[in-house]
Amino acid sequence: MDERIEKAFAVANYMATLANQKRIILEEYNQQLIYYVEGATFKITPDLISFVKTMCDRPFDLILIDANNLPVKISNPKQFLNDIIQKYDNASLEYFSKYLDIKSKRKIADIIDL
């Protein structure tokens, strides 16, 4: 086979592998942002964090709608806020670290080994 075609296939394989690994770490990140509390499921987002932070100053319980569109009473909003911030920070830091690892690899074998 022509050397140029082999190089083109190698580049195409590398790009496909790189895209696949990026997709995998994004899926892992999204899974880490799922938070279960008091029988409810929440997807942690910056919007959720901001909303809960805004509502924490109120003197009564917080009612939120979870990912399944069910109302949930959060008895301790400040603890809930601390938990979701910590989980968001940890997941984001891990995602960033894995992304930097993938970005620095130049061979398909190195990417797959991550």
PDB file of N, CA and C in Angstrom:
ATOM      1  N   MET A   1       0.843  -1.169   0.000  1.00  0.00           N
ATOM      2  CA  MET A   1       0.000   0.000   0.000  1.00  0.00           C
ATOM      3  C   MET A   1       0.894   1.239   0.000  1.00  0.00           C
ATOM      4  N   ASP A   2       0.386   2.278  -0.568  1.00  0.00           N
ATOM      5  CA  ASP A   2       1.117   3.527  -0.667  1.00  0.00           C
ATOM      6  C   ASP A   2       1.365   4.098   0.738  1.00  0.00           C
ATOM      7  N   GLU A   3       2.522   4.658   0.944  1.00  0.00           N
ATOM      8  CA  GLU A   3       2.898   5.205   2.259  1.00  0.00           C
ATOM      9  C   GLU A   3       1.966   6.337   2.684  1.00  0.00           C
ATOM     10  N   ARG A   4       1.522   7.140   1.743  1.00  0.00           N
ATOM     11  CA  ARG A   4       0.613   8.250   2.071  1.00  0.00           C
ATOM     12  C   ARG A   4      -0.730   7.729   2.564  1.00  0.00           C
ATOM     13  N   ILE A   5      -1.194   6.651   1.966  1.00  0.00           N
ATOM     14  CA  ILE A   5      -2.466   6.063   2.394  1.00  0.00           C
ATOM     15  C   ILE A   5      -2.320   5.470   3.795  1.00  0.00           C
ATOM     16  N   GLU A   6      -1.211   4.813   4.050  1.00  0.00           N
ATOM     17  CA  GLU A   6      -0.975   4.263   5.385  1.00  0.00           C
ATOM     18  C   GLU A   6      -0.960   5.374   6.437  1.00  0.00           C
ATOM     19  N   LYS A   7      -0.301   6.470   6.123  1.00  0.00           N
ATOM     20  CA  LYS A   7      -0.265   7.602   7.063  1.00  0.00           C
ATOM     21  C   LYS A   7      -1.661   8.181   7.268  1.00  0.00           C
ATOM     22  N   ALA A   8      -2.429   8.253   6.196  1.00  0.00           N
ATOM     23  CA  ALA A   8      -3.799   8.765   6.302  1.00  0.00           C
ATOM     24  C   ALA A   8      -4.644   7.861   7.189  1.00  0.00           C
ATOM     25  N   PHE A   9      -4.496   6.548   7.025  1.00  0.00           N
ATOM     26  CA  PHE A   9      -5.225   5.610   7.881  1.00  0.00           C
ATOM     27  C   PHE A   9      -4.782   5.738   9.339  1.00  0.00           C
ATOM     28  N   ALA A  10      -3.503   5.910   9.550  1.00  0.00           N
ATOM     29  CA  ALA A  10      -2.986   6.057  10.912  1.00  0.00           C
ATOM     30  C   ALA A  10      -3.556   7.305  11.574  1.00  0.00           C
ATOM     31  N   VAL A  11      -3.603   8.392  10.836  1.00  0.00           N
ATOM     32  CA  VAL A  11      -4.162   9.637  11.376  1.00  0.00           C
ATOM     33  C   VAL A  11      -5.654   9.474  11.645  1.00  0.00           C
ATOM     34  N   ALA A  12      -6.360   8.854  10.727  1.00  0.00           N
ATOM     35  CA  ALA A  12      -7.798   8.635  10.909  1.00  0.00           C
ATOM     36  C   ALA A  12      -8.067   7.757  12.131  1.00  0.00           C
ATOM     37  N   ASN A  13      -7.285   6.699  12.299  1.00  0.00           N
ATOM     38  CA  ASN A  13      -7.447   5.837  13.473  1.00  0.00           C
ATOM     39  C   ASN A  13      -7.150   6.596  14.758  1.00  0.00           C
ATOM     40  N   TYR A  14      -6.111   7.398  14.729  1.00  0.00           N
ATOM     41  CA  TYR A  14      -5.759   8.188  15.906  1.00  0.00           C
ATOM     42  C   TYR A  14      -6.897   9.148  16.261  1.00  0.00           C
ATOM     43  N   MET A  15      -7.431   9.843  15.271  1.00  0.00           N
ATOM     44  CA  MET A  15      -8.500  10.803  15.520  1.00  0.00           C
ATOM     45  C   MET A  15      -9.765  10.112  16.037  1.00  0.00           C
ATOM     46  N   ALA A  16     -10.083   8.955  15.482  1.00  0.00           N
ATOM     47  CA  ALA A  16     -11.263   8.216  15.936  1.00  0.00           C
ATOM     48  C   ALA A  16     -11.075   7.735  17.375  1.00  0.00           C
ATOM     49  N   THR A  17      -9.892   7.247  17.695  1.00  0.00           N
ATOM     50  CA  THR A  17      -9.604   6.783  19.054  1.00  0.00           C
ATOM     51  C   THR A  17      -9.639   7.949  20.034  1.00  0.00           C
ATOM     52  N   LEU A  18      -9.082   9.069  19.644  1.00  0.00           N
ATOM     53  CA  LEU A  18      -9.078  10.256  20.486  1.00  0.00           C
ATOM     54  C   LEU A  18     -10.507  10.729  20.772  1.00  0.00           C
ATOM     55  N   ALA A  19     -11.330  10.791  19.742  1.00  0.00           N
ATOM     56  CA  ALA A  19     -12.724  11.205  19.911  1.00  0.00           C
ATOM     57  C   ALA A  19     -13.478  10.229  20.808  1.00  0.00           C
ATOM     58  N   ASN A  20     -13.214   8.940  20.646  1.00  0.00           N
ATOM     59  CA  ASN A  20     -13.879   7.930  21.467  1.00  0.00           C
ATOM     60  C   ASN A  20     -13.490   8.060  22.941  1.00  0.00           C
ATOM     61  N   GLN A  21     -12.211   8.267  23.199  1.00  0.00           N
ATOM     62  CA  GLN A  21     -11.759   8.413  24.593  1.00  0.00           C
ATOM     63  C   GLN A  21     -12.315   9.689  25.226  1.00  0.00           C
ATOM     64  N   LYS A  22     -12.414  10.758  24.462  1.00  0.00           N
ATOM     65  CA  LYS A  22     -13.021  11.995  24.976  1.00  0.00           C
ATOM     66  C   LYS A  22     -14.480  11.762  25.338  1.00  0.00           C
ATOM     67  N   ARG A  23     -15.180  11.014  24.491  1.00  0.00           N
ATOM     68  CA  ARG A  23     -16.583  10.700  24.765  1.00  0.00           C
ATOM     69  C   ARG A  23     -16.715   9.870  26.038  1.00  0.00           C
ATOM     70  N   ILE A  24     -15.824   8.912  26.211  1.00  0.00           N
ATOM     71  CA  ILE A  24     -15.873   8.049  27.393  1.00  0.00           C
ATOM     72  C   ILE A  24     -15.646   8.845  28.667  1.00  0.00           C
ATOM     73  N   ILE A  25     -14.644   9.717  28.681  1.00  0.00           N
ATOM     74  CA  ILE A  25     -14.394  10.471  29.919  1.00  0.00           C
ATOM     75  C   ILE A  25     -15.512  11.477  30.182  1.00  0.00           C
ATOM     76  N   LEU A  26     -16.158  11.987  29.134  1.00  0.00           N
ATOM     77  CA  LEU A  26     -17.301  12.879  29.333  1.00  0.00           C
ATOM     78  C   LEU A  26     -18.473  12.113  29.943  1.00  0.00           C
ATOM     79  N   GLU A  27     -18.702  10.893  29.479  1.00  0.00           N
ATOM     80  CA  GLU A  27     -19.765  10.061  30.053  1.00  0.00           C
ATOM     81  C   GLU A  27     -19.477   9.741  31.524  1.00  0.00           C
ATOM     82  N   GLU A  28     -18.221   9.439  31.840  1.00  0.00           N
ATOM     83  CA  GLU A  28     -17.845   9.185  33.231  1.00  0.00           C
ATOM     84  C   GLU A  28     -18.099  10.421  34.078  1.00  0.00           C
ATOM     85  N   TYR A  29     -17.728  11.577  33.558  1.00  0.00           N
ATOM     86  CA  TYR A  29     -17.944  12.844  34.265  1.00  0.00           C
ATOM     87  C   TYR A  29     -19.432  13.063  34.544  1.00  0.00           C
ATOM     88  N   ASN A  30     -20.257  12.861  33.520  1.00  0.00           N
ATOM     89  CA  ASN A  30     -21.696  13.044  33.702  1.00  0.00           C
ATOM     90  C   ASN A  30     -22.267  12.075  34.730  1.00  0.00           C
ATOM     91  N   GLN A  31     -21.747  10.851  34.779  1.00  0.00           N
ATOM     92  CA  GLN A  31     -22.202   9.891  35.783  1.00  0.00           C
ATOM     93  C   GLN A  31     -21.799  10.321  37.193  1.00  0.00           C
ATOM     94  N   GLN A  32     -20.628  10.919  37.314  1.00  0.00           N
ATOM     95  CA  GLN A  32     -20.170  11.378  38.630  1.00  0.00           C
ATOM     96  C   GLN A  32     -20.995  12.559  39.126  1.00  0.00           C
ATOM     97  N   LEU A  33     -21.675  13.253  38.243  1.00  0.00           N
ATOM     98  CA  LEU A  33     -22.485  14.398  38.641  1.00  0.00           C
ATOM     99  C   LEU A  33     -23.906  14.015  39.041  1.00  0.00           C
ATOM    100  N   ILE A  34     -24.193  12.741  39.091  1.00  0.00           N
ATOM    101  CA  ILE A  34     -25.499  12.283  39.574  1.00  0.00           C
ATOM    102  C   ILE A  34     -25.400  12.179  41.096  1.00  0.00           C
ATOM    103  N   TYR A  35     -26.366  12.758  41.783  1.00  0.00           N
ATOM    104  CA  TYR A  35     -26.350  12.791  43.248  1.00  0.00           C
ATOM    105  C   TYR A  35     -27.685  12.271  43.764  1.00  0.00           C
ATOM    106  N   TYR A  36     -27.615  11.312  44.664  1.00  0.00           N
ATOM    107  CA  TYR A  36     -28.802  10.708  45.258  1.00  0.00           C
ATOM    108  C   TYR A  36     -28.919  11.166  46.709  1.00  0.00           C
ATOM    109  N   VAL A  37     -30.093  11.665  47.058  1.00  0.00           N
ATOM    110  CA  VAL A  37     -30.338  12.085  48.433  1.00  0.00           C
ATOM    111  C   VAL A  37     -31.833  11.975  48.735  1.00  0.00           C
ATOM    112  N   GLU A  38     -32.158  11.469  49.896  1.00  0.00           N
ATOM    113  CA  GLU A  38     -33.540  11.362  50.378  1.00  0.00           C
ATOM    114  C   GLU A  38     -34.473  10.751  49.327  1.00  0.00           C
ATOM    115  N   GLY A  39     -33.990   9.716  48.645  1.00  0.00           N
ATOM    116  CA  GLY A  39     -34.803   9.023  47.656  1.00  0.00           C
ATOM    117  C   GLY A  39     -34.944   9.759  46.335  1.00  0.00           C
ATOM    118  N   ALA A  40     -34.183  10.812  46.148  1.00  0.00           N
ATOM    119  CA  ALA A  40     -34.276  11.607  44.923  1.00  0.00           C
ATOM    120  C   ALA A  40     -32.966  11.531  44.139  1.00  0.00           C
ATOM    121  N   THR A  41     -33.062  11.854  42.860  1.00  0.00           N
ATOM    122  CA  THR A  41     -31.906  11.864  41.975  1.00  0.00           C
ATOM    123  C   THR A  41     -31.739  13.265  41.410  1.00  0.00           C
ATOM    124  N   PHE A  42     -30.535  13.802  41.567  1.00  0.00           N
ATOM    125  CA  PHE A  42     -30.244  15.132  41.030  1.00  0.00           C
ATOM    126  C   PHE A  42     -29.051  15.067  40.100  1.00  0.00           C
ATOM    127  N   LYS A  43     -29.109  15.842  39.034  1.00  0.00           N
ATOM    128  CA  LYS A  43     -27.963  16.054  38.143  1.00  0.00           C
ATOM    129  C   LYS A  43     -27.345  17.375  38.600  1.00  0.00           C
ATOM    130  N   ILE A  44     -26.122  17.310  39.105  1.00  0.00           N
ATOM    131  CA  ILE A  44     -25.467  18.506  39.623  1.00  0.00           C
ATOM    132  C   ILE A  44     -25.013  19.375  38.452  1.00  0.00           C
ATOM    133  N   THR A  45     -25.491  20.590  38.447  1.00  0.00           N
ATOM    134  CA  THR A  45     -25.117  21.572  37.435  1.00  0.00           C
ATOM    135  C   THR A  45     -24.789  22.882  38.142  1.00  0.00           C
ATOM    136  N   PRO A  46     -24.095  23.779  37.465  1.00  0.00           N
ATOM    137  CA  PRO A  46     -23.875  25.104  38.065  1.00  0.00           C
ATOM    138  C   PRO A  46     -25.193  25.806  38.394  1.00  0.00           C
ATOM    139  N   ASP A  47     -26.230  25.562  37.589  1.00  0.00           N
ATOM    140  CA  ASP A  47     -27.539  26.164  37.869  1.00  0.00           C
ATOM    141  C   ASP A  47     -28.114  25.650  39.187  1.00  0.00           C
ATOM    142  N   LEU A  48     -28.016  24.358  39.419  1.00  0.00           N
ATOM    143  CA  LEU A  48     -28.515  23.792  40.671  1.00  0.00           C
ATOM    144  C   LEU A  48     -27.748  24.362  41.854  1.00  0.00           C
ATOM    145  N   ILE A  49     -26.437  24.426  41.730  1.00  0.00           N
ATOM    146  CA  ILE A  49     -25.611  24.964  42.812  1.00  0.00           C
ATOM    147  C   ILE A  49     -25.998  26.411  43.111  1.00  0.00           C
ATOM    148  N   SER A  50     -26.146  27.216  42.079  1.00  0.00           N
ATOM    149  CA  SER A  50     -26.513  28.628  42.274  1.00  0.00           C
ATOM    150  C   SER A  50     -27.891  28.765  42.912  1.00  0.00           C
ATOM    151  N   PHE A  51     -28.849  27.979  42.435  1.00  0.00           N
ATOM    152  CA  PHE A  51     -30.193  28.058  42.978  1.00  0.00           C
ATOM    153  C   PHE A  51     -30.222  27.667  44.447  1.00  0.00           C
ATOM    154  N   VAL A  52     -29.576  26.567  44.780  1.00  0.00           N
ATOM    155  CA  VAL A  52     -29.568  26.111  46.176  1.00  0.00           C
ATOM    156  C   VAL A  52     -28.852  27.130  47.055  1.00  0.00           C
ATOM    157  N   LYS A  53     -27.766  27.702  46.565  1.00  0.00           N
ATOM    158  CA  LYS A  53     -27.043  28.725  47.333  1.00  0.00           C
ATOM    159  C   LYS A  53     -27.944  29.931  47.601  1.00  0.00           C
ATOM    160  N   THR A  54     -28.698  30.328  46.609  1.00  0.00           N
ATOM    161  CA  THR A  54     -29.625  31.448  46.766  1.00  0.00           C
ATOM    162  C   THR A  54     -30.701  31.124  47.795  1.00  0.00           C
ATOM    163  N   MET A  55     -31.184  29.907  47.784  1.00  0.00           N
ATOM    164  CA  MET A  55     -32.288  29.526  48.658  1.00  0.00           C
ATOM    165  C   MET A  55     -31.845  29.126  50.070  1.00  0.00           C
ATOM    166  N   CYS A  56     -30.563  28.965  50.299  1.00  0.00           N
ATOM    167  CA  CYS A  56     -30.067  28.520  51.609  1.00  0.00           C
ATOM    168  C   CYS A  56     -30.329  29.503  52.735  1.00  0.00           C
ATOM    169  N   ASP A  57     -30.470  30.759  52.420  1.00  0.00           N
ATOM    170  CA  ASP A  57     -30.657  31.777  53.457  1.00  0.00           C
ATOM    171  C   ASP A  57     -32.072  31.801  54.029  1.00  0.00           C
ATOM    172  N   ARG A  58     -32.963  31.064  53.408  1.00  0.00           N
ATOM    173  CA  ARG A  58     -34.338  31.040  53.906  1.00  0.00           C
ATOM    174  C   ARG A  58     -34.409  30.184  55.168  1.00  0.00           C
ATOM    175  N   PRO A  59     -35.296  30.539  56.091  1.00  0.00           N
ATOM    176  CA  PRO A  59     -35.353  29.826  57.381  1.00  0.00           C
ATOM    177  C   PRO A  59     -36.136  28.516  57.363  1.00  0.00           C
ATOM    178  N   PHE A  60     -36.611  28.068  56.207  1.00  0.00           N
ATOM    179  CA  PHE A  60     -37.402  26.838  56.179  1.00  0.00           C
ATOM    180  C   PHE A  60     -36.841  25.854  55.161  1.00  0.00           C
ATOM    181  N   ASP A  61     -37.417  24.661  55.164  1.00  0.00           N
ATOM    182  CA  ASP A  61     -36.934  23.589  54.289  1.00  0.00           C
ATOM    183  C   ASP A  61     -37.016  23.983  52.816  1.00  0.00           C
ATOM    184  N   LEU A  62     -36.157  23.355  52.037  1.00  0.00           N
ATOM    185  CA  LEU A  62     -36.090  23.620  50.606  1.00  0.00           C
ATOM    186  C   LEU A  62     -36.804  22.504  49.859  1.00  0.00           C
ATOM    187  N   ILE A  63     -37.679  22.887  48.953  1.00  0.00           N
ATOM    188  CA  ILE A  63     -38.368  21.916  48.108  1.00  0.00           C
ATOM    189  C   ILE A  63     -37.773  22.031  46.702  1.00  0.00           C
ATOM    190  N   LEU A  64     -37.259  20.917  46.195  1.00  0.00           N
ATOM    191  CA  LEU A  64     -36.675  20.874  44.856  1.00  0.00           C
ATOM    192  C   LEU A  64     -37.388  19.822  44.025  1.00  0.00           C
ATOM    193  N   ILE A  65     -37.303  19.979  42.721  1.00  0.00           N
ATOM    194  CA  ILE A  65     -37.821  18.980  41.798  1.00  0.00           C
ATOM    195  C   ILE A  65     -36.612  18.200  41.278  1.00  0.00           C
ATOM    196  N   ASP A  66     -36.626  16.885  41.465  1.00  0.00           N
ATOM    197  CA  ASP A  66     -35.458  16.077  41.080  1.00  0.00           C
ATOM    198  C   ASP A  66     -35.473  15.744  39.594  1.00  0.00           C
ATOM    199  N   ALA A  67     -34.530  14.927  39.164  1.00  0.00           N
ATOM    200  CA  ALA A  67     -34.383  14.566  37.749  1.00  0.00           C
ATOM    201  C   ALA A  67     -35.577  13.769  37.223  1.00  0.00           C
ATOM    202  N   ASN A  68     -36.336  13.161  38.112  1.00  0.00           N
ATOM    203  CA  ASN A  68     -37.526  12.392  37.724  1.00  0.00           C
ATOM    204  C   ASN A  68     -38.801  13.215  37.843  1.00  0.00           C
ATOM    205  N   ASN A  69     -38.645  14.537  37.993  1.00  0.00           N
ATOM    206  CA  ASN A  69     -39.767  15.482  38.133  1.00  0.00           C
ATOM    207  C   ASN A  69     -40.620  15.208  39.362  1.00  0.00           C
ATOM    208  N   LEU A  70     -39.968  14.772  40.433  1.00  0.00           N
ATOM    209  CA  LEU A  70     -40.663  14.530  41.693  1.00  0.00           C
ATOM    210  C   LEU A  70     -40.222  15.577  42.705  1.00  0.00           C
ATOM    211  N   PRO A  71     -41.171  16.106  43.489  1.00  0.00           N
ATOM    212  CA  PRO A  71     -40.784  17.092  44.506  1.00  0.00           C
ATOM    213  C   PRO A  71     -40.097  16.408  45.688  1.00  0.00           C
ATOM    214  N   VAL A  72     -39.068  17.053  46.194  1.00  0.00           N
ATOM    215  CA  VAL A  72     -38.286  16.504  47.301  1.00  0.00           C
ATOM    216  C   VAL A  72     -38.049  17.602  48.322  1.00  0.00           C
ATOM    217  N   LYS A  73     -38.254  17.242  49.575  1.00  0.00           N
ATOM    218  CA  LYS A  73     -38.004  18.188  50.663  1.00  0.00           C
ATOM    219  C   LYS A  73     -36.582  17.967  51.171  1.00  0.00           C
ATOM    220  N   ILE A  74     -35.771  19.001  51.086  1.00  0.00           N
ATOM    221  CA  ILE A  74     -34.395  18.958  51.566  1.00  0.00           C
ATOM    222  C   ILE A  74     -34.382  19.605  52.947  1.00  0.00           C
ATOM    223  N   SER A  75     -34.185  18.789  53.969  1.00  0.00           N
ATOM    224  CA  SER A  75     -34.261  19.274  55.346  1.00  0.00           C
ATOM    225  C   SER A  75     -33.084  20.161  55.739  1.00  0.00           C
ATOM    226  N   ASN A  76     -31.923  19.857  55.186  1.00  0.00           N
ATOM    227  CA  ASN A  76     -30.720  20.622  55.524  1.00  0.00           C
ATOM    228  C   ASN A  76     -30.102  21.173  54.230  1.00  0.00           C
ATOM    229  N   PRO A  77     -30.600  22.311  53.757  1.00  0.00           N
ATOM    230  CA  PRO A  77     -30.122  22.855  52.481  1.00  0.00           C
ATOM    231  C   PRO A  77     -28.627  23.186  52.475  1.00  0.00           C
ATOM    232  N   LYS A  78     -28.090  23.629  53.600  1.00  0.00           N
ATOM    233  CA  LYS A  78     -26.662  23.982  53.628  1.00  0.00           C
ATOM    234  C   LYS A  78     -25.786  22.739  53.460  1.00  0.00           C
ATOM    235  N   GLN A  79     -26.178  21.646  54.079  1.00  0.00           N
ATOM    236  CA  GLN A  79     -25.437  20.402  53.917  1.00  0.00           C
ATOM    237  C   GLN A  79     -25.565  19.890  52.484  1.00  0.00           C
ATOM    238  N   PHE A  80     -26.772  19.985  51.943  1.00  0.00           N
ATOM    239  CA  PHE A  80     -27.007  19.594  50.543  1.00  0.00           C
ATOM    240  C   PHE A  80     -26.110  20.410  49.614  1.00  0.00           C
ATOM    241  N   LEU A  81     -26.032  21.727  49.847  1.00  0.00           N
ATOM    242  CA  LEU A  81     -25.185  22.597  49.034  1.00  0.00           C
ATOM    243  C   LEU A  81     -23.722  22.198  49.143  1.00  0.00           C
ATOM    244  N   ASN A  82     -23.248  21.969  50.354  1.00  0.00           N
ATOM    245  CA  ASN A  82     -21.853  21.552  50.536  1.00  0.00           C
ATOM    246  C   ASN A  82     -21.564  20.232  49.822  1.00  0.00           C
ATOM    247  N   ASP A  83     -22.493  19.303  49.902  1.00  0.00           N
ATOM    248  CA  ASP A  83     -22.310  17.999  49.263  1.00  0.00           C
ATOM    249  C   ASP A  83     -22.237  18.117  47.738  1.00  0.00           C
ATOM    250  N   ILE A  84     -23.145  18.898  47.141  1.00  0.00           N
ATOM    251  CA  ILE A  84     -23.151  18.984  45.681  1.00  0.00           C
ATOM    252  C   ILE A  84     -21.949  19.788  45.167  1.00  0.00           C
ATOM    253  N   ILE A  85     -21.512  20.791  45.928  1.00  0.00           N
ATOM    254  CA  ILE A  85     -20.319  21.539  45.520  1.00  0.00           C
ATOM    255  C   ILE A  85     -19.093  20.633  45.559  1.00  0.00           C
ATOM    256  N   GLN A  86     -18.963  19.865  46.615  1.00  0.00           N
ATOM    257  CA  GLN A  86     -17.814  18.962  46.745  1.00  0.00           C
ATOM    258  C   GLN A  86     -17.821  17.926  45.622  1.00  0.00           C
ATOM    259  N   LYS A  87     -18.984  17.348  45.353  1.00  0.00           N
ATOM    260  CA  LYS A  87     -19.087  16.337  44.299  1.00  0.00           C
ATOM    261  C   LYS A  87     -18.788  16.959  42.933  1.00  0.00           C
ATOM    262  N   TYR A  88     -19.279  18.165  42.678  1.00  0.00           N
ATOM    263  CA  TYR A  88     -19.026  18.858  41.417  1.00  0.00           C
ATOM    264  C   TYR A  88     -17.534  19.165  41.255  1.00  0.00           C
ATOM    265  N   ASP A  89     -16.911  19.666  42.308  1.00  0.00           N
ATOM    266  CA  ASP A  89     -15.476  19.984  42.253  1.00  0.00           C
ATOM    267  C   ASP A  89     -14.634  18.737  41.991  1.00  0.00           C
ATOM    268  N   ASN A  90     -14.919  17.661  42.713  1.00  0.00           N
ATOM    269  CA  ASN A  90     -14.152  16.422  42.535  1.00  0.00           C
ATOM    270  C   ASN A  90     -14.298  15.860  41.120  1.00  0.00           C
ATOM    271  N   ALA A  91     -15.533  15.833  40.624  1.00  0.00           N
ATOM    272  CA  ALA A  91     -15.783  15.301  39.286  1.00  0.00           C
ATOM    273  C   ALA A  91     -15.115  16.174  38.223  1.00  0.00           C
ATOM    274  N   SER A  92     -15.201  17.475  38.373  1.00  0.00           N
ATOM    275  CA  SER A  92     -14.604  18.392  37.391  1.00  0.00           C
ATOM    276  C   SER A  92     -13.089  18.292  37.385  1.00  0.00           C
ATOM    277  N   LEU A  93     -12.501  18.183  38.554  1.00  0.00           N
ATOM    278  CA  LEU A  93     -11.047  18.050  38.640  1.00  0.00           C
ATOM    279  C   LEU A  93     -10.573  16.750  37.990  1.00  0.00           C
ATOM    280  N   GLU A  94     -11.283  15.663  38.246  1.00  0.00           N
ATOM    281  CA  GLU A  94     -10.915  14.382  37.642  1.00  0.00           C
ATOM    282  C   GLU A  94     -11.087  14.418  36.125  1.00  0.00           C
ATOM    283  N   TYR A  95     -12.173  15.018  35.653  1.00  0.00           N
ATOM    284  CA  TYR A  95     -12.413  15.140  34.215  1.00  0.00           C
ATOM    285  C   TYR A  95     -11.300  15.963  33.558  1.00  0.00           C
ATOM    286  N   PHE A  96     -10.936  17.071  34.179  1.00  0.00           N
ATOM    287  CA  PHE A  96      -9.876  17.925  33.648  1.00  0.00           C
ATOM    288  C   PHE A  96      -8.556  17.175  33.577  1.00  0.00           C
ATOM    289  N   SER A  97      -8.240  16.437  34.621  1.00  0.00           N
ATOM    290  CA  SER A  97      -6.999  15.678  34.667  1.00  0.00           C
ATOM    291  C   SER A  97      -6.960  14.623  33.556  1.00  0.00           C
ATOM    292  N   LYS A  98      -8.047  13.892  33.380  1.00  0.00           N
ATOM    293  CA  LYS A  98      -8.107  12.871  32.334  1.00  0.00           C
ATOM    294  C   LYS A  98      -8.039  13.508  30.946  1.00  0.00           C
ATOM    295  N   TYR A  99      -8.667  14.644  30.790  1.00  0.00           N
ATOM    296  CA  TYR A  99      -8.623  15.332  29.502  1.00  0.00           C
ATOM    297  C   TYR A  99      -7.199  15.749  29.158  1.00  0.00           C
ATOM    298  N   LEU A 100      -6.481  16.285  30.140  1.00  0.00           N
ATOM    299  CA  LEU A 100      -5.089  16.669  29.896  1.00  0.00           C
ATOM    300  C   LEU A 100      -4.235  15.465  29.531  1.00  0.00           C
ATOM    301  N   ASP A 101      -4.485  14.330  30.176  1.00  0.00           N
ATOM    302  CA  ASP A 101      -3.752  13.102  29.847  1.00  0.00           C
ATOM    303  C   ASP A 101      -3.996  12.694  28.394  1.00  0.00           C
ATOM    304  N   ILE A 102      -5.253  12.707  27.984  1.00  0.00           N
ATOM    305  CA  ILE A 102      -5.593  12.318  26.615  1.00  0.00           C
ATOM    306  C   ILE A 102      -4.974  13.287  25.616  1.00  0.00           C
ATOM    307  N   LYS A 103      -5.069  14.547  25.931  1.00  0.00           N
ATOM    308  CA  LYS A 103      -4.571  15.574  25.015  1.00  0.00           C
ATOM    309  C   LYS A 103      -3.067  15.471  24.786  1.00  0.00           C
ATOM    310  N   SER A 104      -2.353  14.979  25.776  1.00  0.00           N
ATOM    311  CA  SER A 104      -0.898  14.920  25.672  1.00  0.00           C
ATOM    312  C   SER A 104      -0.390  13.669  24.949  1.00  0.00           C
ATOM    313  N   LYS A 105      -1.248  12.695  24.731  1.00  0.00           N
ATOM    314  CA  LYS A 105      -0.825  11.444  24.100  1.00  0.00           C
ATOM    315  C   LYS A 105      -0.792  11.580  22.580  1.00  0.00           C
ATOM    316  N   ARG A 106       0.215  10.985  21.974  1.00  0.00           N
ATOM    317  CA  ARG A 106       0.396  11.080  20.526  1.00  0.00           C
ATOM    318  C   ARG A 106       0.282   9.740  19.811  1.00  0.00           C
ATOM    319  N   LYS A 107       0.120   8.660  20.575  1.00  0.00           N
ATOM    320  CA  LYS A 107       0.024   7.334  19.978  1.00  0.00           C
ATOM    321  C   LYS A 107      -1.296   6.686  20.420  1.00  0.00           C
ATOM    322  N   ILE A 108      -1.861   5.888  19.552  1.00  0.00           N
ATOM    323  CA  ILE A 108      -3.130   5.222  19.865  1.00  0.00           C
ATOM    324  C   ILE A 108      -2.980   4.323  21.091  1.00  0.00           C
ATOM    325  N   ALA A 109      -1.908   3.597  21.188  1.00  0.00           N
ATOM    326  CA  ALA A 109      -1.694   2.689  22.326  1.00  0.00           C
ATOM    327  C   ALA A 109      -1.670   3.465  23.641  1.00  0.00           C
ATOM    328  N   ASP A 110      -1.074   4.641  23.644  1.00  0.00           N
ATOM    329  CA  ASP A 110      -1.021   5.461  24.855  1.00  0.00           C
ATOM    330  C   ASP A 110      -2.407   5.942  25.254  1.00  0.00           C
ATOM    331  N   ILE A 111      -3.210   6.301  24.284  1.00  0.00           N
ATOM    332  CA  ILE A 111      -4.578   6.782  24.568  1.00  0.00           C
ATOM    333  C   ILE A 111      -5.421   5.654  25.130  1.00  0.00           C
ATOM    334  N   ILE A 112      -5.332   4.481  24.530  1.00  0.00           N
ATOM    335  CA  ILE A 112      -6.137   3.352  24.964  1.00  0.00           C
ATOM    336  C   ILE A 112      -5.775   2.905  26.373  1.00  0.00           C
ATOM    337  N   ASP A 113      -4.516   3.038  26.736  1.00  0.00           N
ATOM    338  CA  ASP A 113      -4.055   2.610  28.063  1.00  0.00           C
ATOM    339  C   ASP A 113      -4.590   3.472  29.192  1.00  0.00           C
ATOM    340  N   LEU A 114      -5.125   4.643  28.888  1.00  0.00           N
ATOM    341  CA  LEU A 114      -5.676   5.495  29.930  1.00  0.00           C
ATOM    342  C   LEU A 114      -6.930   4.867  30.429  1.00  0.00           C
TER     343      LEU A 114
END
